[in-house]
Amino acid sequence: MGSRHNGQIIIRRLFAVNTESESSSDVRFSLPTCPARVADVAILTSLLSVSTLLSRLRLGHLRKDLMQRRFVDLSYPLDPSTPPFPGDSPVEVEVQTTIPAHLPPGTPGFMNTSNVRTSLHTGTHMDAFFHFYHGGATIDQIPLTQCIGPALMIDLSARKSKKRITAHDLAPHQQAISQTPKVILNTGWAQNWGESRYFTDYPPLTEDAARFLVDCAIELIGIDTPSVDYSPYDAHFVLLGNDVLIVENLTNLDQIGQPLFEFAAIPLKITGRDGSPVRAIAVTGET
């Protein structure tokens, strides 16, 4: 703080300001000529050099910190082979153009452009509150701070087909859940991706489990199943009705290797709609 304060004082002393003109656009500054102000210039230059050096050190530290972290992709590929939720449209990718591009001689290349058509709830995706509430926030209105941050993973991978996840199952983790705003449920169901039973036999979250999570004040739940529940979607109504985001169709949860980690799932800014595909990732402190 001392250096910054001194720098501000020096800046004020460095320039002789002519404020006699009534127009602010006529204010003029004169470069220093006396020895004292020349010395001030040298001090200010030193301060700026130190500031630049510190900024570079911080960037270097950030780069090193990122290199030491491990990133786990929790998302499924999105292509025509991606299975949609029953009743939803399949993914369509249309190649619009593939034409030679003007590149340096000897460098082959093409300009490629494509169109994509898909349900907003295909593959790894996020449900906005508008998905079940007409007056709820749409996906473009979701705060990004709610999509990124510390997460707790709860291992429920020993569950059998269609075995419900109840509040009783979550109760042993109540303290940890209450201290972490995002909860990821690893049911192990991702191993059935690509099979028809993936959409018909997954373990659902019960309404009481959803209310338990709401009472723990979470802001996001992620799960490795195609939905948090079945029709009539009681868990959806409880979670989205209490501003809890839902991320479905997560994968690779077994690769995270620790219960606490940084989670991110960023939706596309699709104006006025109910959900979006996301690129979900986990960031751990290990390399």
Protein backbone atom coordinates (compact mmCIF):
# COMPACT_ATOMS: atom_id res chain seq x y z
CA MET A 1 0.00 0.00 0.00
CA GLY A 2 2.87 2.36 0.77
CA SER A 3 4.35 2.07 -2.72
CA ARG A 4 0.98 2.59 -4.34
CA HIS A 5 0.27 5.65 -2.17
CA ASN A 6 3.69 7.13 -2.90
CA GLY A 7 3.17 6.52 -6.59
CA GLN A 8 -0.11 8.43 -6.49
CA ILE A 9 1.60 11.37 -4.75
CA ILE A 10 4.39 11.34 -7.33
CA ILE A 11 1.90 11.33 -10.21
CA ARG A 12 0.23 14.43 -8.79
CA ARG A 13 3.59 16.18 -8.47
CA LEU A 14 4.91 15.09 -11.84
CA PHE A 15 2.74 17.32 -13.98
CA ALA A 16 2.00 21.02 -13.81
CA VAL A 17 -1.70 21.29 -14.55
CA ASN A 18 -3.07 24.36 -16.27
CA THR A 19 -6.70 24.70 -15.17
CA GLU A 20 -7.19 28.35 -16.14
CA SER A 21 -9.28 27.37 -19.16
CA GLU A 22 -12.99 26.91 -18.54
CA SER A 23 -13.12 23.92 -20.89
CA SER A 24 -11.96 20.62 -19.41
CA SER A 25 -10.67 19.65 -22.84
CA ASP A 26 -8.17 22.53 -22.65
CA VAL A 27 -6.45 21.22 -19.50
CA ARG A 28 -2.75 20.92 -20.32
CA PHE A 29 0.08 19.01 -18.75
CA SER A 30 3.72 19.99 -18.91
CA LEU A 31 6.58 17.52 -18.64
CA PRO A 32 8.86 17.94 -15.62
CA THR A 33 12.08 19.87 -16.09
CA CYS A 34 13.34 20.59 -12.56
CA PRO A 35 15.68 18.05 -10.89
CA ALA A 36 13.11 17.16 -8.21
CA ARG A 37 10.52 16.19 -10.77
CA VAL A 38 13.08 14.34 -12.87
CA ALA A 39 13.85 12.32 -9.74
CA ASP A 40 10.12 11.71 -9.32
CA VAL A 41 10.02 10.35 -12.87
CA ALA A 42 12.80 7.90 -12.00
CA ILE A 43 10.96 6.78 -8.85
CA LEU A 44 7.68 6.37 -10.72
CA THR A 45 9.45 4.38 -13.44
CA SER A 46 10.89 2.09 -10.78
CA LEU A 47 7.46 1.65 -9.18
CA LEU A 48 5.92 0.76 -12.53
CA SER A 49 8.75 -1.70 -13.23
CA VAL A 50 8.18 -3.39 -9.87
CA SER A 51 4.44 -3.53 -10.55
CA THR A 52 5.04 -5.11 -13.96
CA LEU A 53 7.43 -7.65 -12.46
CA LEU A 54 4.91 -8.60 -9.76
CA SER A 55 2.19 -9.02 -12.39
CA ARG A 56 4.45 -11.31 -14.41
CA LEU A 57 5.32 -13.30 -11.31
CA ARG A 58 1.62 -13.70 -10.50
CA LEU A 59 0.90 -14.87 -14.06
CA GLY A 60 3.80 -17.29 -13.88
CA HIS A 61 2.54 -18.62 -10.56
CA LEU A 62 -0.97 -19.00 -11.98
CA ARG A 63 0.38 -20.87 -15.02
CA LYS A 64 2.43 -23.16 -12.80
CA ASP A 65 -0.54 -23.71 -10.51
CA LEU A 66 -2.75 -24.71 -13.44
CA MET A 67 -0.07 -27.08 -14.76
CA GLN A 68 0.02 -28.82 -11.37
CA ARG A 69 -3.74 -29.39 -11.34
CA ARG A 70 -5.53 -32.30 -12.92
CA PHE A 71 -8.56 -31.76 -15.17
CA VAL A 72 -11.17 -34.49 -15.63
CA ASP A 73 -13.66 -34.19 -18.47
CA LEU A 74 -17.10 -35.14 -17.15
CA SER A 75 -18.93 -34.68 -20.47
CA TYR A 76 -20.10 -37.02 -23.21
CA PRO A 77 -19.28 -36.29 -26.86
CA LEU A 78 -22.12 -34.61 -28.75
CA ASP A 79 -22.55 -36.12 -32.22
CA PRO A 80 -25.12 -38.09 -34.22
CA SER A 81 -24.31 -41.21 -32.19
CA THR A 82 -25.17 -39.50 -28.88
CA PRO A 83 -28.37 -41.16 -27.61
CA PRO A 84 -31.15 -38.63 -26.93
CA PHE A 85 -33.61 -38.89 -24.07
CA PRO A 86 -36.57 -41.00 -25.28
CA GLY A 87 -38.92 -38.76 -27.25
CA ASP A 88 -36.31 -36.09 -27.95
CA SER A 89 -34.84 -35.35 -31.37
CA PRO A 90 -31.54 -37.03 -32.28
CA VAL A 91 -28.41 -34.98 -32.80
CA GLU A 92 -27.93 -33.83 -36.38
CA VAL A 93 -24.69 -32.34 -37.66
CA GLU A 94 -24.86 -30.81 -41.14
CA VAL A 95 -21.66 -29.91 -42.95
CA GLN A 96 -22.41 -26.56 -44.55
CA THR A 97 -19.15 -25.80 -46.33
CA THR A 98 -15.75 -27.35 -46.88
CA ILE A 99 -13.76 -25.14 -49.19
CA PRO A 100 -10.05 -24.51 -49.75
CA ALA A 101 -8.69 -21.75 -47.55
CA HIS A 102 -6.09 -19.16 -48.55
CA LEU A 103 -3.04 -20.18 -46.53
CA PRO A 104 0.70 -19.70 -47.07
CA PRO A 105 2.06 -21.63 -50.07
CA GLY A 106 2.57 -25.29 -49.32
CA THR A 107 0.14 -25.29 -46.41
CA PRO A 108 -2.99 -27.31 -47.20
CA GLY A 109 -6.17 -26.20 -45.50
CA PHE A 110 -9.91 -25.84 -45.73
CA MET A 111 -12.52 -23.59 -44.22
CA ASN A 112 -15.16 -25.78 -42.54
CA THR A 113 -18.55 -24.64 -41.23
CA SER A 114 -21.37 -26.75 -39.81
CA ASN A 115 -24.90 -26.60 -38.44
CA VAL A 116 -26.08 -28.54 -35.38
CA ARG A 117 -29.60 -29.51 -34.41
CA THR A 118 -30.21 -31.09 -31.01
CA SER A 119 -32.45 -31.17 -27.97
CA LEU A 120 -31.12 -28.93 -25.22
CA HIS A 121 -31.31 -31.93 -22.89
CA THR A 122 -29.18 -34.37 -24.88
CA GLY A 123 -25.83 -35.53 -23.57
CA THR A 124 -24.27 -33.75 -20.61
CA HIS A 125 -26.54 -30.78 -19.99
CA MET A 126 -27.96 -28.34 -17.46
CA ASP A 127 -31.60 -27.75 -16.56
CA ALA A 128 -32.59 -24.13 -15.96
CA PHE A 129 -35.42 -23.28 -13.57
CA PHE A 130 -37.58 -22.41 -16.59
CA HIS A 131 -37.46 -26.12 -17.52
CA PHE A 132 -40.29 -26.81 -15.04
CA TYR A 133 -41.42 -23.31 -14.04
CA HIS A 134 -42.74 -20.91 -16.64
CA GLY A 135 -41.71 -17.92 -14.50
CA GLY A 136 -38.33 -19.40 -13.59
CA ALA A 137 -34.96 -18.10 -14.77
CA THR A 138 -33.99 -19.19 -18.26
CA ILE A 139 -30.57 -20.65 -19.02
CA ASP A 140 -29.12 -17.31 -20.15
CA GLN A 141 -30.11 -15.79 -16.79
CA ILE A 142 -28.27 -18.34 -14.65
CA PRO A 143 -25.40 -16.69 -12.69
CA LEU A 144 -22.06 -18.15 -13.72
CA THR A 145 -21.03 -18.19 -10.07
CA GLN A 146 -23.66 -20.89 -9.57
CA CYS A 147 -22.03 -23.01 -12.28
CA ILE A 148 -18.49 -22.99 -10.89
CA GLY A 149 -17.06 -23.76 -7.47
CA PRO A 150 -16.28 -26.32 -4.77
CA ALA A 151 -18.19 -29.59 -5.03
CA LEU A 152 -18.69 -32.68 -2.92
CA MET A 153 -18.98 -36.09 -4.56
CA ILE A 154 -21.07 -38.73 -2.80
CA ASP A 155 -20.37 -42.33 -3.79
CA LEU A 156 -23.61 -44.25 -4.38
CA SER A 157 -22.11 -46.55 -6.99
CA ALA A 158 -23.17 -49.76 -5.25
CA ARG A 159 -26.83 -49.12 -6.09
CA LYS A 160 -28.83 -51.54 -8.20
CA SER A 161 -31.17 -50.74 -11.11
CA LYS A 162 -33.99 -48.36 -10.21
CA LYS A 163 -33.07 -48.40 -6.51
CA ARG A 164 -34.22 -45.04 -5.22
CA ILE A 165 -31.87 -42.51 -3.61
CA THR A 166 -33.59 -41.35 -0.44
CA ALA A 167 -32.94 -38.76 2.24
CA HIS A 168 -31.81 -41.65 4.45
CA ASP A 169 -29.03 -42.40 1.95
CA LEU A 170 -27.83 -38.81 2.06
CA ALA A 171 -28.18 -38.22 5.80
CA PRO A 172 -24.70 -39.58 6.74
CA HIS A 173 -23.23 -36.81 4.54
CA GLN A 174 -25.39 -33.99 5.91
CA GLN A 175 -22.57 -31.96 7.50
CA ALA A 176 -20.36 -32.15 4.41
CA ILE A 177 -23.29 -31.32 2.12
CA SER A 178 -24.23 -28.29 4.23
CA GLN A 179 -20.68 -26.97 3.87
CA THR A 180 -20.45 -27.42 0.08
CA PRO A 181 -22.78 -25.60 -2.35
CA LYS A 182 -22.53 -28.21 -5.12
CA VAL A 183 -23.20 -31.93 -4.76
CA ILE A 184 -22.31 -34.58 -7.34
CA LEU A 185 -23.92 -38.02 -7.02
CA ASN A 186 -21.88 -40.90 -8.41
CA THR A 187 -24.37 -43.74 -8.89
CA GLY A 188 -22.09 -45.70 -11.22
CA TRP A 189 -24.85 -45.67 -13.83
CA ALA A 190 -22.57 -44.14 -16.47
CA GLN A 191 -21.26 -47.66 -17.18
CA ASN A 192 -24.58 -48.34 -18.91
CA TRP A 193 -24.23 -45.44 -21.38
CA GLY A 194 -25.15 -46.60 -24.88
CA GLU A 195 -27.51 -49.33 -23.67
CA SER A 196 -31.30 -49.01 -23.81
CA ARG A 197 -31.55 -49.65 -20.05
CA TYR A 198 -29.55 -46.47 -19.45
CA PHE A 199 -32.79 -44.52 -19.93
CA THR A 200 -35.20 -46.98 -18.31
CA ASP A 201 -33.59 -48.44 -15.19
CA TYR A 202 -31.47 -45.67 -13.64
CA PRO A 203 -31.64 -44.99 -9.87
CA PRO A 204 -33.87 -41.95 -9.24
CA LEU A 205 -33.75 -39.28 -6.57
CA THR A 206 -36.85 -39.26 -4.37
CA GLU A 207 -38.80 -36.16 -3.43
CA ASP A 208 -37.67 -36.40 0.19
CA ALA A 209 -34.04 -36.63 -0.94
CA ALA A 210 -34.51 -33.50 -3.05
CA ARG A 211 -36.02 -31.66 -0.07
CA PHE A 212 -33.13 -32.85 2.10
CA LEU A 213 -30.66 -31.30 -0.35
CA VAL A 214 -32.65 -28.07 -0.49
CA ASP A 215 -32.63 -27.91 3.33
CA CYS A 216 -28.84 -28.28 3.17
CA ALA A 217 -28.81 -25.10 1.03
CA ILE A 218 -27.09 -26.55 -2.04
CA GLU A 219 -27.20 -24.57 -5.31
CA LEU A 220 -26.35 -27.30 -7.84
CA ILE A 221 -26.71 -31.06 -8.10
CA GLY A 222 -24.96 -33.18 -10.70
CA ILE A 223 -25.63 -36.84 -11.45
CA ASP A 224 -24.43 -39.55 -13.85
CA THR A 225 -27.95 -40.57 -14.92
CA PRO A 226 -30.13 -39.19 -17.74
CA SER A 227 -32.47 -37.57 -15.21
CA VAL A 228 -32.68 -37.06 -11.46
CA ASP A 229 -36.09 -38.81 -11.44
CA TYR A 230 -38.95 -40.29 -13.45
CA SER A 231 -42.37 -38.88 -14.29
CA PRO A 232 -44.16 -37.11 -12.53
CA TYR A 233 -40.75 -35.51 -11.81
CA ASP A 234 -41.23 -34.67 -8.13
CA ALA A 235 -37.49 -34.18 -7.54
CA HIS A 236 -37.27 -31.83 -10.53
CA PHE A 237 -40.08 -29.69 -9.15
CA VAL A 238 -38.51 -29.51 -5.69
CA LEU A 239 -34.98 -28.74 -6.87
CA LEU A 240 -35.76 -26.27 -9.67
CA GLY A 241 -38.48 -24.67 -7.57
CA ASN A 242 -35.84 -23.84 -4.96
CA ASP A 243 -33.25 -22.49 -7.42
CA VAL A 244 -31.08 -25.61 -7.45
CA LEU A 245 -29.47 -26.21 -10.85
CA ILE A 246 -29.49 -29.75 -12.23
CA VAL A 247 -26.66 -31.20 -14.35
CA GLU A 248 -27.43 -34.62 -15.85
CA ASN A 249 -25.54 -37.26 -17.86
CA LEU A 250 -22.18 -36.75 -16.17
CA THR A 251 -19.45 -39.29 -16.84
CA ASN A 252 -15.94 -40.22 -15.65
CA LEU A 253 -16.84 -39.48 -12.03
CA ASP A 254 -14.74 -42.47 -10.94
CA GLN A 255 -11.66 -40.72 -12.34
CA ILE A 256 -11.86 -37.76 -9.96
CA GLY A 257 -10.39 -39.77 -7.10
CA GLN A 258 -11.34 -37.48 -4.21
CA PRO A 259 -14.58 -36.34 -2.57
CA LEU A 260 -13.86 -32.60 -2.70
CA PHE A 261 -12.88 -30.84 -5.93
CA GLU A 262 -13.61 -27.83 -8.10
CA PHE A 263 -16.54 -28.30 -10.46
CA ALA A 264 -17.53 -26.29 -13.53
CA ALA A 265 -20.38 -26.72 -16.01
CA ILE A 266 -20.87 -23.72 -18.29
CA PRO A 267 -24.08 -23.55 -20.35
CA LEU A 268 -24.46 -21.82 -23.69
CA LYS A 269 -26.14 -18.42 -23.45
CA ILE A 270 -29.32 -19.50 -25.25
CA THR A 271 -31.80 -16.69 -24.77
CA GLY A 272 -35.06 -17.53 -23.05
CA ARG A 273 -34.76 -21.30 -23.05
CA ASP A 274 -34.93 -24.19 -20.60
CA GLY A 275 -31.49 -25.77 -20.70
CA SER A 276 -28.22 -26.20 -22.52
CA PRO A 277 -25.47 -28.68 -23.29
CA VAL A 278 -22.47 -28.08 -21.02
CA ARG A 279 -18.78 -28.96 -20.92
CA ALA A 280 -18.52 -30.19 -17.34
CA ILE A 281 -15.11 -30.62 -15.74
CA ALA A 282 -13.58 -31.48 -12.39
CA VAL A 283 -10.37 -29.83 -11.25
CA THR A 284 -8.31 -31.52 -8.53
CA GLY A 285 -5.09 -30.57 -6.80
CA GLU A 286 -3.18 -33.55 -8.20
CA THR A 287 -1.18 -33.76 -11.42
